[in-house]
Amino acid sequence: MLGVEDVVAPTELASNTELVATITVITGGCKKFDRFTTSRSEGRLTVEAWGTDAAAGQVCTRDLRFEPHEYRATLPAGNPVILAVRRPNGADLVRQIQIR
C-alpha cells in the first residue's frame, strides 16, 4: 500500500450521483502508483492506493512526489457516507459526504 497525503471530495452529493474525488498519493524514489482498490459497507467506502516499490536490492532516491489521481465511484447506501482512504500507518483520511 502506498501513502496518501490528501483527499479532496465534495461534502454533499445528490443521490445517484457519481463521486469524483482527488486523492494525492505519495510516490517517488522506487515507488509508483498503479491503482485504487475499494471495499464497501453500508455508509462507508474504503479506498487504498496500491503500486510498486522496487526498493529491494536497488538504490532509490528520496525524491518524494505528491501525485493527484482522480477517483470515481458510485456511493454505497447510507446518509451520510464516509469516504475513508487508508494509509500504511493505519490512520484513515476521512471525509463525510451528505446525500441530498
Protein backbone atom coordinates (compact mmCIF):
# COMPACT_ATOMS: atom_id res chain seq x y z
CA MET A 1 0.00 0.00 0.00
CA LEU A 2 1.24 3.49 -0.84
CA GLY A 3 0.99 6.56 1.36
CA VAL A 4 -1.69 9.17 0.84
CA GLU A 5 -1.20 12.87 1.60
CA ASP A 6 -4.66 14.36 0.99
CA VAL A 7 -8.21 13.70 -0.18
CA VAL A 8 -10.43 16.31 -1.81
CA ALA A 9 -14.07 15.27 -2.05
CA PRO A 10 -17.41 17.08 -2.11
CA THR A 11 -19.20 17.50 1.20
CA GLU A 12 -22.59 16.99 -0.49
CA LEU A 13 -23.83 14.97 -3.43
CA ALA A 14 -27.24 14.46 -4.98
CA SER A 15 -28.50 10.90 -4.68
CA ASN A 16 -27.49 8.63 -7.57
CA THR A 17 -24.58 10.94 -8.45
CA GLU A 18 -21.11 9.59 -9.08
CA LEU A 19 -18.47 10.60 -6.55
CA VAL A 20 -15.46 12.33 -8.08
CA ALA A 21 -12.61 12.85 -5.62
CA THR A 22 -8.92 13.67 -5.90
CA ILE A 23 -6.58 11.51 -3.86
CA THR A 24 -2.97 12.67 -3.55
CA VAL A 25 -0.69 9.62 -3.49
CA ILE A 26 2.91 9.71 -2.24
CA THR A 27 5.33 8.29 -4.82
CA GLY A 28 8.91 8.90 -5.89
CA GLY A 29 12.16 7.07 -5.42
CA CYS A 30 11.25 3.49 -6.27
CA LYS A 31 7.51 3.85 -5.56
CA LYS A 32 5.00 4.14 -8.40
CA PHE A 33 1.21 4.39 -8.25
CA ASP A 34 -0.75 1.65 -10.02
CA ARG A 35 -4.39 1.53 -8.86
CA PHE A 36 -7.01 2.13 -6.19
CA THR A 37 -8.81 -0.75 -4.51
CA THR A 38 -12.19 -0.27 -2.86
CA SER A 39 -14.27 -2.03 -0.23
CA ARG A 40 -17.84 -1.08 0.63
CA SER A 41 -20.22 -1.41 3.51
CA GLU A 42 -23.38 0.48 4.30
CA GLY A 43 -22.49 4.13 4.72
CA ARG A 44 -18.77 3.59 4.14
CA LEU A 45 -16.43 3.48 1.15
CA THR A 46 -12.83 2.49 1.98
CA VAL A 47 -10.08 3.15 -0.59
CA GLU A 48 -6.45 2.04 -0.67
CA ALA A 49 -3.73 3.25 -3.07
CA TRP A 50 -1.52 0.48 -4.45
CA GLY A 51 1.55 0.47 -6.59
CA THR A 52 5.02 -0.90 -6.88
CA ASP A 53 8.04 -0.44 -4.66
CA ALA A 54 11.16 -1.64 -6.45
CA ALA A 55 13.42 -0.79 -3.49
CA ALA A 56 14.57 -4.39 -2.87
CA GLY A 57 18.19 -4.57 -3.97
CA GLN A 58 18.18 -1.14 -5.63
CA VAL A 59 19.37 2.29 -4.68
CA CYS A 60 16.40 4.65 -4.66
CA THR A 61 16.37 8.42 -4.38
CA ARG A 62 14.48 10.17 -1.63
CA ASP A 63 12.60 12.05 -4.30
CA LEU A 64 9.14 12.24 -2.72
CA ARG A 65 6.34 13.17 -5.09
CA PHE A 66 2.75 14.01 -4.39
CA GLU A 67 0.64 12.82 -7.33
CA PRO A 68 -3.03 13.75 -7.50
CA HIS A 69 -5.20 11.00 -9.00
CA GLU A 70 -8.89 11.19 -9.83
CA TYR A 71 -11.06 8.60 -8.10
CA ARG A 72 -14.62 7.90 -9.27
CA ALA A 73 -17.18 5.68 -7.57
CA THR A 74 -20.84 5.06 -7.01
CA LEU A 75 -21.54 5.60 -3.34
CA PRO A 76 -22.96 2.84 -1.13
CA ALA A 77 -26.32 3.29 0.56
CA GLY A 78 -26.42 5.49 3.63
CA ASN A 79 -26.54 9.11 4.66
CA PRO A 80 -24.03 10.41 5.39
CA VAL A 81 -21.46 8.29 3.56
CA ILE A 82 -17.94 8.10 4.92
CA LEU A 83 -15.08 8.10 2.41
CA ALA A 84 -12.09 6.60 4.22
CA VAL A 85 -8.72 6.50 2.46
CA ARG A 86 -6.28 4.12 4.16
CA ARG A 87 -2.70 5.00 4.96
CA PRO A 88 0.04 2.43 5.62
CA ASN A 89 0.27 3.54 9.27
CA GLY A 90 -3.40 2.57 9.81
CA ALA A 91 -4.72 6.13 10.13
CA ASP A 92 -7.50 6.79 7.62
CA LEU A 93 -8.08 10.14 5.93
CA VAL A 94 -11.83 10.53 6.37
CA ARG A 95 -14.33 12.71 4.51
CA GLN A 96 -18.05 12.77 5.28
CA ILE A 97 -20.43 13.21 2.34
CA GLN A 98 -24.05 14.20 2.86
CA ILE A 99 -26.53 12.78 0.35
CA ARG A 100 -29.36 15.11 -0.57
